[in-house]
N, C-alpha and C. Protein backbone atom coordinates (compact mmCIF):
# COMPACT_ATOMS: atom_id res chain seq x y z
N MET A 1 1.00 -1.04 0.08
CA MET A 1 -0.19 -0.01 -0.13
C MET A 1 0.85 1.19 0.44
N ASN A 2 0.56 2.12 -1.33
CA ASN A 2 1.71 3.09 -0.89
C ASN A 2 1.20 4.20 0.14
N ALA A 3 1.87 5.51 0.15
CA ALA A 3 1.43 6.22 1.19
C ALA A 3 0.15 7.36 1.14
N HIS A 4 -0.44 7.17 -0.57
CA HIS A 4 -1.22 7.55 -0.94
C HIS A 4 -2.63 6.96 -0.26
N GLN A 5 -2.67 5.82 -0.75
CA GLN A 5 -3.58 4.79 -0.62
C GLN A 5 -3.68 4.63 1.38
N HIS A 6 -2.94 4.82 2.06
CA HIS A 6 -2.82 4.78 3.50
C HIS A 6 -3.68 6.08 4.29
N LEU A 7 -3.06 6.98 3.35
CA LEU A 7 -3.77 8.60 3.91
C LEU A 7 -5.24 8.69 3.27
N GLY A 8 -5.53 8.03 2.72
CA GLY A 8 -7.13 7.60 2.47
C GLY A 8 -7.83 6.77 3.17
N ASN A 9 -7.17 5.66 3.36
CA ASN A 9 -7.98 5.06 4.15
C ASN A 9 -7.95 5.90 5.61
N GLY A 10 -7.15 6.22 6.27
CA GLY A 10 -7.22 6.80 7.49
C GLY A 10 -8.19 7.99 7.56
N ARG A 11 -8.53 8.88 6.57
CA ARG A 11 -9.55 9.99 6.15
C ARG A 11 -10.85 9.41 6.49
N ARG A 12 -10.90 8.19 5.77
CA ARG A 12 -12.17 7.39 5.54
C ARG A 12 -12.11 6.79 6.81
N LYS A 13 -11.51 6.27 7.66
CA LYS A 13 -12.02 5.17 9.01
C LYS A 13 -11.80 6.77 9.93
N PHE A 14 -11.24 8.30 10.18
CA PHE A 14 -12.05 9.03 10.87
C PHE A 14 -13.58 9.80 10.50
N PHE A 15 -13.58 9.33 9.30
CA PHE A 15 -14.71 10.33 8.93
C PHE A 15 -15.87 9.23 9.69
N GLU A 16 -15.83 7.96 9.45
CA GLU A 16 -16.65 6.97 9.86
C GLU A 16 -16.63 7.15 11.23
N CYS A 17 -15.97 7.03 12.44
CA CYS A 17 -15.75 7.50 13.34
C CYS A 17 -16.72 8.27 13.82
N ALA A 18 -16.68 9.67 12.99
CA ALA A 18 -16.72 10.99 13.50
C ALA A 18 -18.57 10.82 12.97
N THR A 19 -19.27 10.14 12.17
CA THR A 19 -20.50 9.86 12.52
C THR A 19 -21.00 9.28 13.04
N VAL A 20 -20.14 8.44 13.54
CA VAL A 20 -20.80 7.59 14.52
C VAL A 20 -21.09 7.88 16.09
N ALA A 21 -20.12 8.73 16.09
CA ALA A 21 -19.91 9.57 17.06
C ALA A 21 -21.32 10.61 17.44
N ALA A 22 -21.32 11.37 16.35
CA ALA A 22 -22.35 12.56 15.82
C ALA A 22 -23.77 11.43 16.27
N LEU A 23 -23.87 10.50 15.65
CA LEU A 23 -25.36 9.88 15.71
C LEU A 23 -25.45 9.47 17.63
N GLY A 24 -24.06 9.16 18.00
CA GLY A 24 -24.27 8.94 19.50
C GLY A 24 -24.48 10.11 20.14
N VAL A 25 -23.83 11.58 20.18
CA VAL A 25 -24.88 12.68 20.88
C VAL A 25 -25.92 12.75 20.36
N VAL A 26 -26.60 12.60 18.96
CA VAL A 26 -28.32 13.05 18.60
C VAL A 26 -29.22 11.95 19.12
N GLY A 27 -28.62 10.43 19.78
CA GLY A 27 -29.60 9.68 20.62
C GLY A 27 -29.39 10.12 21.69
N VAL A 28 -28.22 10.37 22.41
CA VAL A 28 -28.70 10.83 24.11
C VAL A 28 -29.30 11.98 23.82
N VAL A 29 -29.15 12.57 23.38
CA VAL A 29 -30.13 14.52 22.97
C VAL A 29 -31.92 13.72 23.25
N ALA A 30 -31.73 13.18 21.48
CA ALA A 30 -33.22 12.66 21.79
C ALA A 30 -33.68 11.78 23.04
N GLY A 31 -32.91 10.82 23.15
CA GLY A 31 -33.31 10.11 24.32
C GLY A 31 -33.80 11.22 25.53
N SER A 32 -33.04 11.99 25.68
CA SER A 32 -33.46 12.52 27.05
C SER A 32 -34.47 13.58 27.19
N LEU A 33 -34.61 13.93 25.60
CA LEU A 33 -36.41 15.01 24.88
C LEU A 33 -36.80 14.22 25.34
N LEU A 34 -37.07 12.73 24.94
CA LEU A 34 -38.20 12.08 24.85
C LEU A 34 -38.60 11.46 26.55
N THR A 35 -37.44 11.58 27.34
CA THR A 35 -37.82 10.89 28.50
C THR A 35 -38.46 12.50 29.92
N GLY A 36 -37.45 13.75 29.78
CA GLY A 36 -37.67 14.78 29.66
C GLY A 36 -39.17 15.70 29.62
N SER A 37 -39.22 15.65 28.11
CA SER A 37 -39.97 16.72 27.66
C SER A 37 -41.40 16.83 27.90
N PRO A 38 -41.71 15.56 28.10
CA PRO A 38 -43.45 15.37 28.42
C PRO A 38 -43.99 16.30 29.30
N ALA A 39 -43.04 16.08 30.93
CA ALA A 39 -43.68 15.74 31.80
C ALA A 39 -43.10 17.72 31.99
N GLN A 40 -42.24 17.89 31.02
CA GLN A 40 -41.78 19.91 31.24
C GLN A 40 -43.27 20.40 30.17
N ALA A 41 -43.78 19.90 29.07
CA ALA A 41 -44.61 20.48 28.51
C ALA A 41 -45.87 20.29 29.09
N THR A 42 -46.47 19.07 29.65
CA THR A 42 -47.72 18.63 30.44
C THR A 42 -47.32 20.25 31.39
N ARG A 43 -46.38 20.33 32.45
CA ARG A 43 -46.11 20.99 33.23
C ARG A 43 -46.43 23.11 32.84
N GLN A 44 -45.47 22.92 31.85
CA GLN A 44 -46.28 24.54 31.11
C GLN A 44 -47.18 24.43 30.55
N GLY A 45 -48.06 23.18 29.66
CA GLY A 45 -49.20 23.78 29.06
C GLY A 45 -50.35 23.44 30.27
N ALA A 46 -49.99 22.94 31.10
CA ALA A 46 -51.03 22.28 32.26
C ALA A 46 -51.78 24.08 32.66
N LEU A 47 -51.28 24.82 32.83
CA LEU A 47 -51.64 26.32 33.11
C LEU A 47 -52.56 27.04 31.83
N PRO A 48 -53.15 27.97 31.73
CA PRO A 48 -53.27 28.65 30.75
C PRO A 48 -52.59 29.63 30.51
N ALA A 49 -52.03 30.38 29.47
CA ALA A 49 -51.27 31.39 29.21
C ALA A 49 -51.89 33.22 29.59
N VAL A 50 -50.92 33.58 30.42
CA VAL A 50 -51.36 34.74 30.95
C VAL A 50 -51.48 36.05 29.97
N GLY A 51 -52.80 36.52 30.20
CA GLY A 51 -52.92 37.27 28.81
C GLY A 51 -54.40 36.79 28.30
N THR A 52 -54.46 35.54 28.12
CA THR A 52 -55.60 35.40 27.21
C THR A 52 -57.17 34.90 27.85
N GLU A 53 -57.81 35.27 27.20
CA GLU A 53 -59.59 35.30 27.61
C GLU A 53 -59.89 33.91 27.37
N VAL A 54 -60.91 33.51 28.31
CA VAL A 54 -61.27 31.90 28.27
C VAL A 54 -62.25 32.57 28.44
N LYS A 55 -63.97 31.74 27.47
CA LYS A 55 -65.07 32.18 27.75
C LYS A 55 -65.56 30.57 27.74
N ALA A 56 -66.86 30.63 28.58
CA ALA A 56 -67.17 29.25 29.28
C ALA A 56 -68.69 29.62 29.15
N GLY A 57 -69.43 28.61 29.21
CA GLY A 57 -71.31 28.27 28.93
C GLY A 57 -71.04 28.01 30.83
N ILE A 58 -72.28 28.60 31.38
CA ILE A 58 -72.53 28.37 32.42
C ILE A 58 -74.41 27.68 32.64
N VAL A 59 -74.26 27.03 33.33
CA VAL A 59 -75.78 26.32 33.51
C VAL A 59 -75.86 25.91 34.90
N VAL A 60 -76.64 26.32 35.19
CA VAL A 60 -77.25 25.99 37.08
C VAL A 60 -78.58 25.75 37.26
N GLU A 61 -78.26 24.09 37.57
CA GLU A 61 -80.06 23.49 37.73
C GLU A 61 -80.14 23.31 39.06
N LYS A 62 -81.50 23.56 39.63
CA LYS A 62 -82.41 23.65 40.28
C LYS A 62 -81.49 25.00 41.53
N ALA A 63 -80.91 26.24 40.86
CA ALA A 63 -80.81 27.18 42.13
C ALA A 63 -81.73 27.46 43.03
N GLN A 64 -81.60 27.69 44.27
CA GLN A 64 -82.44 27.91 45.25
C GLN A 64 -82.47 29.16 46.17
N LEU A 65 -82.65 30.19 45.75
CA LEU A 65 -83.17 31.81 46.30
C LEU A 65 -84.01 32.21 47.18
N THR A 66 -83.84 32.82 48.20
CA THR A 66 -85.29 33.68 48.63
C THR A 66 -85.07 34.95 48.26
N ILE A 67 -86.12 35.62 48.04
CA ILE A 67 -86.33 36.51 47.49
C ILE A 67 -87.50 37.05 48.67
N LYS A 68 -87.62 37.93 49.30
CA LYS A 68 -88.14 38.89 50.25
C LYS A 68 -89.01 37.52 51.29
N GLY A 69 -88.39 36.99 51.52
CA GLY A 69 -88.51 35.52 52.22
C GLY A 69 -89.85 35.04 51.22
N GLU A 70 -89.83 34.46 50.08
CA GLU A 70 -90.05 33.69 49.44
C GLU A 70 -89.48 32.41 48.67
N GLN A 71 -89.15 31.45 49.27
CA GLN A 71 -88.16 30.45 48.44
C GLN A 71 -88.71 30.06 47.25
N VAL A 72 -87.95 30.44 46.12
CA VAL A 72 -88.04 30.02 44.77
C VAL A 72 -87.00 28.76 44.14
N GLU A 73 -87.09 28.11 43.46
CA GLU A 73 -85.94 26.94 42.23
C GLU A 73 -86.47 27.52 41.18
N THR A 74 -84.87 27.40 40.51
CA THR A 74 -84.81 28.29 38.92
C THR A 74 -84.04 27.36 38.39
N ASN A 75 -83.63 27.45 36.94
CA ASN A 75 -82.33 27.42 36.92
C ASN A 75 -82.09 28.55 35.56
N PHE A 76 -80.35 28.63 35.98
CA PHE A 76 -80.00 29.64 34.92
C PHE A 76 -79.30 29.00 33.93
N THR A 77 -79.14 30.17 32.65
CA THR A 77 -78.11 29.54 31.87
C THR A 77 -77.56 31.30 31.37
N GLY A 78 -76.48 31.07 31.01
CA GLY A 78 -75.56 32.25 30.16
C GLY A 78 -73.64 31.82 29.67
N GLU A 79 -73.20 33.35 30.05
CA GLU A 79 -71.71 32.41 30.01
C GLU A 79 -70.87 33.56 30.52
N SER A 80 -69.64 33.06 31.11
CA SER A 80 -68.62 34.05 31.40
C SER A 80 -67.79 34.18 31.19
N THR A 81 -66.37 35.34 31.00
CA THR A 81 -65.03 35.16 30.45
C THR A 81 -64.56 35.87 31.66
N VAL A 82 -63.17 35.04 31.73
CA VAL A 82 -61.83 35.40 32.56
C VAL A 82 -60.90 35.82 31.85
N ARG A 83 -59.97 36.76 32.33
CA ARG A 83 -58.59 37.06 31.71
C ARG A 83 -57.81 36.23 32.96
N ILE A 84 -56.87 35.34 31.97
CA ILE A 84 -55.83 35.04 32.80
C ILE A 84 -54.77 35.52 33.67
N GLU A 85 -54.05 36.01 34.32
CA GLU A 85 -53.63 37.19 34.89
C GLU A 85 -52.53 36.31 36.12
N THR A 86 -51.25 36.86 36.05
CA THR A 86 -50.41 35.95 37.13
C THR A 86 -50.51 36.01 38.26
N ASN A 87 -50.24 35.32 39.14
CA ASN A 87 -50.59 35.11 40.71
C ASN A 87 -49.14 35.43 41.16
N PRO A 88 -49.10 36.64 42.06
CA PRO A 88 -47.79 37.19 42.59
C PRO A 88 -47.23 36.41 43.94
N ASP A 89 -48.45 35.73 44.32
CA ASP A 89 -48.39 34.45 45.65
C ASP A 89 -47.67 33.42 45.28
N ASP A 90 -47.95 32.72 44.04
CA ASP A 90 -47.34 31.71 43.96
C ASP A 90 -47.59 31.45 42.21
N PRO A 91 -46.72 32.14 41.82
CA PRO A 91 -46.61 32.42 39.57
C PRO A 91 -46.06 31.04 39.42
N ALA A 92 -45.76 30.12 39.87
CA ALA A 92 -45.37 28.88 39.39
C ALA A 92 -46.42 27.54 39.36
N ASN A 93 -47.21 27.77 40.00
CA ASN A 93 -48.45 26.72 40.11
C ASN A 93 -49.49 27.30 40.25
N SER A 94 -50.08 28.39 39.97
CA SER A 94 -51.38 29.13 39.89
C SER A 94 -51.13 30.26 39.00
N VAL A 95 -52.73 30.93 38.67
CA VAL A 95 -53.17 32.21 37.73
C VAL A 95 -54.08 32.47 38.56
N LYS A 96 -54.31 33.98 38.40
CA LYS A 96 -55.19 34.55 38.99
C LYS A 96 -56.83 34.73 37.56
N LEU A 97 -57.99 34.49 37.76
CA LEU A 97 -58.47 34.56 36.99
C LEU A 97 -59.48 35.75 36.81
N LYS A 98 -59.30 37.25 36.12
CA LYS A 98 -60.09 38.52 36.26
C LYS A 98 -61.39 38.12 35.58
N ALA A 99 -62.32 38.73 36.55
CA ALA A 99 -63.79 38.53 36.15
C ALA A 99 -64.25 39.57 35.15
N VAL A 100 -64.59 38.96 33.07
CA VAL A 100 -64.24 40.33 32.66
C VAL A 100 -65.77 40.11 32.18
N SER A 101 -66.70 39.39 31.98
CA SER A 101 -68.11 39.29 32.01
C SER A 101 -68.29 38.16 32.36
N HIS A 102 -69.85 38.22 33.20
CA HIS A 102 -70.34 37.15 33.44
C HIS A 102 -72.48 37.77 34.22
N ARG A 103 -72.77 36.34 33.21
CA ARG A 103 -74.01 36.83 32.78
C ARG A 103 -75.22 35.81 32.70
N LEU A 104 -76.07 35.74 33.66
CA LEU A 104 -76.89 34.72 33.70
C LEU A 104 -78.44 35.35 33.97
N THR A 105 -78.92 34.28 33.45
CA THR A 105 -80.65 34.98 33.48
C THR A 105 -81.55 33.29 33.68
N ALA A 106 -82.50 33.71 34.71
CA ALA A 106 -83.64 32.75 35.36
C ALA A 106 -85.01 32.90 34.78
N ASP A 107 -85.90 32.32 34.33
CA ASP A 107 -87.21 32.41 34.59
C ASP A 107 -88.01 32.11 36.20
N LEU A 108 -88.42 33.24 36.59
CA LEU A 108 -89.18 32.52 37.96
C LEU A 108 -90.57 32.11 37.63
N PRO A 109 -90.21 31.17 38.89
CA PRO A 109 -91.50 30.08 38.81
C PRO A 109 -93.06 30.68 38.69
N ASN A 110 -93.25 31.97 39.34
CA ASN A 110 -94.45 32.79 39.29
C ASN A 110 -94.52 34.08 38.31
N GLY A 111 -93.49 33.80 37.54
CA GLY A 111 -93.78 34.69 36.49
C GLY A 111 -92.15 36.58 36.42
N GLY A 112 -92.01 36.36 35.55
CA GLY A 112 -90.13 37.36 35.78
C GLY A 112 -89.08 36.80 35.43
N THR A 113 -88.32 37.33 35.67
CA THR A 113 -86.94 36.83 35.42
C THR A 113 -86.06 37.73 36.56
N VAL A 114 -85.02 36.84 36.55
CA VAL A 114 -83.17 37.19 37.34
C VAL A 114 -82.74 36.78 36.64
N THR A 115 -82.00 38.17 37.02
CA THR A 115 -80.13 38.00 35.64
C THR A 115 -79.13 38.64 36.85
N ILE A 116 -78.26 37.59 36.71
CA ILE A 116 -77.20 37.63 37.38
C ILE A 116 -76.17 38.75 36.72
N GLU A 117 -75.01 39.70 36.99
CA GLU A 117 -74.06 39.95 36.31
C GLU A 117 -73.03 40.13 36.88
N HIS A 118 -71.58 40.55 36.87
CA HIS A 118 -70.45 40.77 37.28
C HIS A 118 -70.65 42.34 37.35
N ASN A 119 -70.49 42.89 39.03
CA ASN A 119 -71.13 44.29 39.27
C ASN A 119 -69.19 45.26 39.09
N GLY A 120 -69.12 46.00 38.14
CA GLY A 120 -68.54 46.56 38.19
C GLY A 120 -66.87 46.07 37.49
N GLU A 121 -65.41 46.55 38.25
CA GLU A 121 -64.38 46.10 37.15
C GLU A 121 -63.52 45.09 38.31
N ASP A 122 -63.47 44.14 37.52
CA ASP A 122 -62.66 42.89 38.66
C ASP A 122 -60.84 43.65 39.28
N ALA A 123 -61.10 44.64 39.68
CA ALA A 123 -59.65 45.70 39.66
C ALA A 123 -59.35 44.56 40.37
N ASN A 124 -59.28 44.05 41.69
CA ASN A 124 -58.24 43.00 42.58
C ASN A 124 -58.98 41.54 42.37
N PRO A 125 -58.45 40.98 41.26
CA PRO A 125 -59.05 39.63 40.98
C PRO A 125 -58.54 38.88 42.96
N GLN A 126 -59.67 38.14 42.76
CA GLN A 126 -59.08 37.27 43.93
C GLN A 126 -59.84 35.71 43.78
N SER A 127 -60.16 35.04 42.50
CA SER A 127 -60.37 34.29 41.99
C SER A 127 -58.90 33.75 41.54
N VAL A 128 -58.65 32.19 41.56
CA VAL A 128 -57.66 31.82 41.21
C VAL A 128 -57.70 30.37 41.00
N LEU A 129 -56.65 29.99 39.79
CA LEU A 129 -56.54 28.23 39.31
C LEU A 129 -55.30 27.89 39.70
N LYS A 130 -55.69 26.69 40.77
CA LYS A 130 -54.20 26.06 41.13
C LYS A 130 -54.51 25.13 40.44
N MET A 131 -52.71 24.47 39.92
CA MET A 131 -52.82 23.27 39.71
C MET A 131 -52.16 22.45 40.91
N THR A 132 -52.46 21.51 40.63
CA THR A 132 -52.36 20.47 41.99
C THR A 132 -51.57 19.35 42.08
N SER A 133 -51.84 18.76 40.32
CA SER A 133 -51.13 18.11 39.78
C SER A 133 -50.41 17.99 38.10
N THR A 134 -49.47 17.14 37.51
CA THR A 134 -49.13 17.44 36.32
C THR A 134 -49.61 16.26 35.47
N LEU A 135 -49.30 15.24 36.45
CA LEU A 135 -49.67 13.99 35.31
C LEU A 135 -50.58 12.81 36.19
N PRO A 136 -51.78 12.94 35.97
CA PRO A 136 -52.33 13.53 35.15
C PRO A 136 -52.45 15.08 35.52
N PRO A 137 -52.86 16.27 34.67
CA PRO A 137 -53.30 17.59 35.63
C PRO A 137 -54.79 17.29 35.85
N LYS A 138 -54.59 18.21 37.17
CA LYS A 138 -55.37 18.49 38.35
C LYS A 138 -55.49 19.90 38.44
N TYR A 139 -56.46 20.09 39.36
CA TYR A 139 -56.80 21.60 39.48
C TYR A 139 -57.55 22.05 40.73
N GLU A 140 -57.21 23.22 41.58
CA GLU A 140 -58.35 23.86 42.16
C GLU A 140 -58.58 25.17 41.70
N GLN A 141 -59.90 25.51 41.65
CA GLN A 141 -60.23 26.54 41.40
C GLN A 141 -61.38 27.11 42.36
N ALA A 142 -61.18 28.59 42.15
CA ALA A 142 -61.97 29.34 43.06
C ALA A 142 -62.16 30.41 42.55
N MET A 143 -63.91 30.94 42.46
CA MET A 143 -64.30 31.78 41.72
C MET A 143 -64.66 32.67 43.14
N VAL A 144 -64.48 34.20 43.32
CA VAL A 144 -65.11 34.98 44.27
C VAL A 144 -65.38 36.54 43.17
N LEU A 145 -66.58 36.08 43.33
CA LEU A 145 -67.49 37.27 42.27
C LEU A 145 -68.59 37.94 43.41
N ASN A 146 -68.21 39.75 42.80
CA ASN A 146 -69.05 40.92 43.10
C ASN A 146 -70.23 40.76 41.95
N LEU A 147 -71.19 40.33 42.78
CA LEU A 147 -72.60 40.78 41.60
C LEU A 147 -73.67 41.42 41.45
N LYS A 148 -74.21 41.84 40.33
CA LYS A 148 -75.34 42.41 40.77
C LYS A 148 -76.43 42.11 39.96
N VAL A 149 -77.73 41.56 41.16
CA VAL A 149 -78.74 40.85 40.34
C VAL A 149 -80.16 41.83 40.26
N THR A 150 -80.76 41.23 38.99
CA THR A 150 -81.69 42.41 38.70
C THR A 150 -82.99 41.27 38.81
N ILE A 151 -84.14 41.51 39.79
CA ILE A 151 -84.93 41.03 39.91
C ILE A 151 -86.21 41.55 39.58
N ASP A 152 -86.96 41.16 38.37
CA ASP A 152 -88.06 41.34 37.60
C ASP A 152 -89.24 40.94 37.66
N GLN A 153 -90.32 41.20 39.01
CA GLN A 153 -91.66 40.54 38.42
C GLN A 153 -92.86 41.64 38.74
N PRO A 154 -92.79 42.21 37.41
CA PRO A 154 -93.88 43.11 37.17
C PRO A 154 -95.14 42.38 37.47
N GLY A 155 -96.03 42.98 38.02
CA GLY A 155 -97.60 43.01 38.52
C GLY A 155 -97.87 41.78 39.99
N SER A 156 -96.41 41.18 39.86
CA SER A 156 -96.32 40.51 41.35
C SER A 156 -95.65 41.23 42.57
N ARG A 157 -95.12 40.61 43.64
CA ARG A 157 -94.84 41.43 44.62
C ARG A 157 -94.19 42.54 44.44
N ILE A 158 -93.49 42.37 43.17
CA ILE A 158 -92.44 42.78 43.31
C ILE A 158 -92.71 43.99 41.88
N ASP A 159 -93.08 45.59 41.62
CA ASP A 159 -93.48 46.09 40.80
C ASP A 159 -92.62 46.74 39.87
N GLN A 160 -91.59 47.43 40.23
CA GLN A 160 -90.37 47.58 39.27
C GLN A 160 -89.16 46.70 39.83
N PRO A 161 -88.20 46.46 38.33
CA PRO A 161 -87.51 45.65 38.61
C PRO A 161 -86.40 45.70 40.08
N LEU A 162 -85.81 45.11 40.94
CA LEU A 162 -85.15 45.36 41.94
C LEU A 162 -83.96 44.83 41.90
N VAL A 163 -83.18 45.87 41.82
CA VAL A 163 -81.54 45.58 41.68
C VAL A 163 -80.89 45.69 43.20
N LEU A 164 -80.46 44.65 43.21
CA LEU A 164 -79.61 44.33 44.33
C LEU A 164 -77.94 43.92 44.21
N VAL A 165 -77.03 43.91 45.33
CA VAL A 165 -75.38 43.83 44.60
C VAL A 165 -75.18 42.28 45.73
N THR A 166 -74.22 41.54 45.85
CA THR A 166 -73.77 41.10 46.68
C THR A 166 -73.18 41.94 48.18
N LYS A 167 -73.06 41.12 49.40
CA LYS A 167 -73.05 41.86 50.81
C LYS A 167 -71.60 41.66 50.61
N GLU A 168 -71.12 40.02 50.20
CA GLU A 168 -69.69 39.94 50.62
C GLU A 168 -69.98 39.00 48.97
N PRO A 169 -68.76 38.94 48.62
CA PRO A 169 -68.62 38.56 47.15
C PRO A 169 -68.98 36.84 47.33
N MET A 170 -69.66 36.35 46.44
CA MET A 170 -70.26 34.89 46.49
C MET A 170 -69.03 34.08 45.59
N LYS A 171 -68.65 32.91 46.66
CA LYS A 171 -67.72 32.13 46.48
C LYS A 171 -68.12 30.80 45.97
N LEU A 172 -67.38 30.40 44.97
CA LEU A 172 -67.59 29.21 44.26
C LEU A 172 -66.04 28.47 43.97
N THR A 173 -66.52 26.75 44.35
CA THR A 173 -65.36 26.07 44.15
C THR A 173 -65.29 24.70 43.46
N GLY A 174 -64.30 24.44 43.16
CA GLY A 174 -64.37 22.97 42.07
C GLY A 174 -62.86 22.27 41.52
N THR A 175 -63.22 21.17 41.47
CA THR A 175 -61.75 20.67 41.03
C THR A 175 -62.04 20.08 39.64
N PRO A 176 -62.41 20.87 38.76
CA PRO A 176 -62.12 20.26 36.96
C PRO A 176 -60.65 19.72 36.63
N ALA A 177 -60.53 19.12 35.78
CA ALA A 177 -60.01 17.78 35.68
C ALA A 177 -59.29 18.29 34.03
N GLU A 178 -59.93 19.53 33.94
CA GLU A 178 -59.29 20.50 32.89
C GLU A 178 -59.24 22.19 32.70
N PHE A 179 -58.49 22.92 31.92
CA PHE A 179 -59.12 24.08 31.94
C PHE A 179 -59.36 24.60 30.62
N PRO A 180 -59.96 25.36 29.93
CA PRO A 180 -61.39 25.15 30.74
C PRO A 180 -62.55 24.35 31.19
N PRO A 181 -62.77 24.61 32.13
CA PRO A 181 -63.63 22.53 32.37
C PRO A 181 -64.52 22.52 31.38
N ASP A 182 -65.13 21.48 31.52
CA ASP A 182 -65.92 21.02 30.39
C ASP A 182 -66.85 19.94 31.21
N GLY A 183 -68.03 20.26 31.84
CA GLY A 183 -68.94 19.50 32.72
C GLY A 183 -68.69 19.75 33.86
N ASP A 184 -67.54 19.95 34.28
CA ASP A 184 -67.19 19.73 35.59
C ASP A 184 -68.34 21.12 36.44
N LEU A 185 -68.25 20.55 38.03
CA LEU A 185 -69.38 21.53 38.65
C LEU A 185 -68.56 22.42 39.59
N MET A 186 -69.11 23.59 40.29
CA MET A 186 -69.01 24.37 41.08
C MET A 186 -69.67 24.71 41.96
N GLN A 187 -69.06 24.53 43.52
CA GLN A 187 -70.26 24.85 44.54
C GLN A 187 -70.32 25.53 45.10
N LEU A 188 -71.49 26.45 45.72
CA LEU A 188 -71.66 27.30 46.38
C LEU A 188 -71.16 27.50 47.55
N GLN A 189 -70.23 27.83 48.75
CA GLN A 189 -69.51 27.91 49.59
C GLN A 189 -70.45 28.14 51.06
N ASN A 190 -71.29 29.49 50.61
CA ASN A 190 -71.69 29.76 51.74
C ASN A 190 -73.15 30.55 51.20
N PRO A 191 -74.43 30.64 51.46
CA PRO A 191 -75.34 31.23 51.41
C PRO A 191 -74.92 33.17 50.98
N THR A 192 -74.87 33.37 49.87
CA THR A 192 -74.89 34.72 49.38
C THR A 192 -76.24 35.82 49.64
N ALA A 193 -75.95 36.49 50.35
CA ALA A 193 -76.34 37.76 50.77
C ALA A 193 -76.50 39.02 49.94
N LEU A 194 -78.03 39.11 49.44
CA LEU A 194 -78.11 40.24 48.09
C LEU A 194 -78.72 41.74 49.00
N VAL A 195 -78.12 42.69 48.66
CA VAL A 195 -78.52 44.38 49.39
C VAL A 195 -78.75 45.16 48.56
N LEU A 196 -79.18 45.71 48.77
CA LEU A 196 -79.59 47.19 48.10
C LEU A 196 -78.44 48.38 48.31
N PRO A 197 -77.91 48.52 46.89
CA PRO A 197 -76.48 49.12 47.15
C PRO A 197 -76.41 50.45 47.80
N ASP A 198 -77.70 51.24 48.39
CA ASP A 198 -77.57 51.97 49.40
C ASP A 198 -78.19 51.58 50.90
N ASP A 199 -78.37 50.09 50.98
CA ASP A 199 -78.43 49.65 52.17
C ASP A 199 -77.58 48.24 52.46
N LEU A 200 -76.57 48.43 52.67
CA LEU A 200 -75.55 47.17 52.65
C LEU A 200 -75.99 46.03 54.13
N ASN A 201 -76.57 46.90 54.83
CA ASN A 201 -77.39 46.20 55.94
C ASN A 201 -78.55 45.11 56.00
N THR A 202 -78.78 45.45 55.32
CA THR A 202 -80.63 45.12 54.96
C THR A 202 -80.27 43.73 54.16
N THR A 203 -80.44 42.51 54.31
CA THR A 203 -80.83 41.60 53.41
C THR A 203 -82.15 41.89 52.71
N VAL A 204 -82.21 41.66 51.69
CA VAL A 204 -83.19 41.84 51.01
C VAL A 204 -83.80 40.41 50.27
N ALA A 205 -83.00 39.36 49.87
CA ALA A 205 -82.78 38.41 49.15
C ALA A 205 -81.25 37.40 49.33
N SER A 206 -81.34 36.23 49.05
CA SER A 206 -80.10 35.45 49.21
C SER A 206 -80.01 34.08 48.11
N ILE A 207 -79.19 33.84 47.79
CA ILE A 207 -78.94 33.05 47.28
C ILE A 207 -78.23 31.10 48.28
N GLU A 208 -79.02 30.55 48.21
CA GLU A 208 -78.54 29.30 48.93
C GLU A 208 -78.29 28.09 48.08
N VAL A 209 -78.62 28.06 47.26
CA VAL A 209 -77.86 26.60 46.60
C VAL A 209 -77.58 27.01 45.03
N PHE A 210 -76.42 27.03 44.93
CA PHE A 210 -76.36 27.40 43.14
C PHE A 210 -75.14 26.48 42.90
N PRO A 211 -75.61 24.82 42.34
CA PRO A 211 -74.98 24.36 41.67
C PRO A 211 -74.41 25.06 40.10
N VAL A 212 -73.09 25.03 39.78
CA VAL A 212 -72.46 25.61 38.57
C VAL A 212 -72.02 24.34 38.03
N LYS A 213 -72.51 24.02 36.48
CA LYS A 213 -72.03 23.28 35.46
C LYS A 213 -71.61 24.18 34.67
N VAL A 214 -69.91 24.38 34.65
CA VAL A 214 -69.41 24.87 33.43
C VAL A 214 -69.19 23.71 32.03
N THR A 215 -69.63 24.65 30.57
CA THR A 215 -69.59 23.54 29.97
C THR A 215 -68.69 24.50 28.44
N GLY A 216 -68.36 23.99 27.54
CA GLY A 216 -67.35 25.00 26.42
C GLY A 216 -68.62 25.32 25.74
N VAL A 217 -68.48 26.72 25.09
CA VAL A 217 -68.80 27.07 24.00
C VAL A 217 -68.06 27.50 22.42
């Protein structure tokens, strides 16, 4: 074998070794991504992105209210929209849910309607979505809402629409399997007193049972 052939064989072996080494590095990197990425992707994707708005349909079956001493049962339907914001108290595992809009309506058994809306701007959101597990994703959700409730019973006990507000915010909690929830229930934590805007000490009505079913839209 002459010097030229020897040099050619040496270069060939060098490139073959280099190729094998490169493939080995690619295999190690690919292996690490396959073992590490799913958990990381799930963790990053389990909470909704800050700044996005999430709309959901709302169904409330067999809600129980007391209006001026009269107990009524009715069903509400409507929609709610929240904006995802950073939760400075626990930014890694939770986000705040700022109420953008919230409107539910129901027919009263003896005629008339009840309309529930968000009352004013949610300047300091207290509603929180917390991620409690990544694989599988699990959540705890708490909605804290200041509401305006309009009761319209023309020709009945209330001749003019009665506009009330929550004395203390309504608080709903749930453990949805995904977010936005789809078919999950949220339950009222305590009866919610409704008062006149200019008389916060006199309870005119109350919401006592309010099982909220959240659906996709």
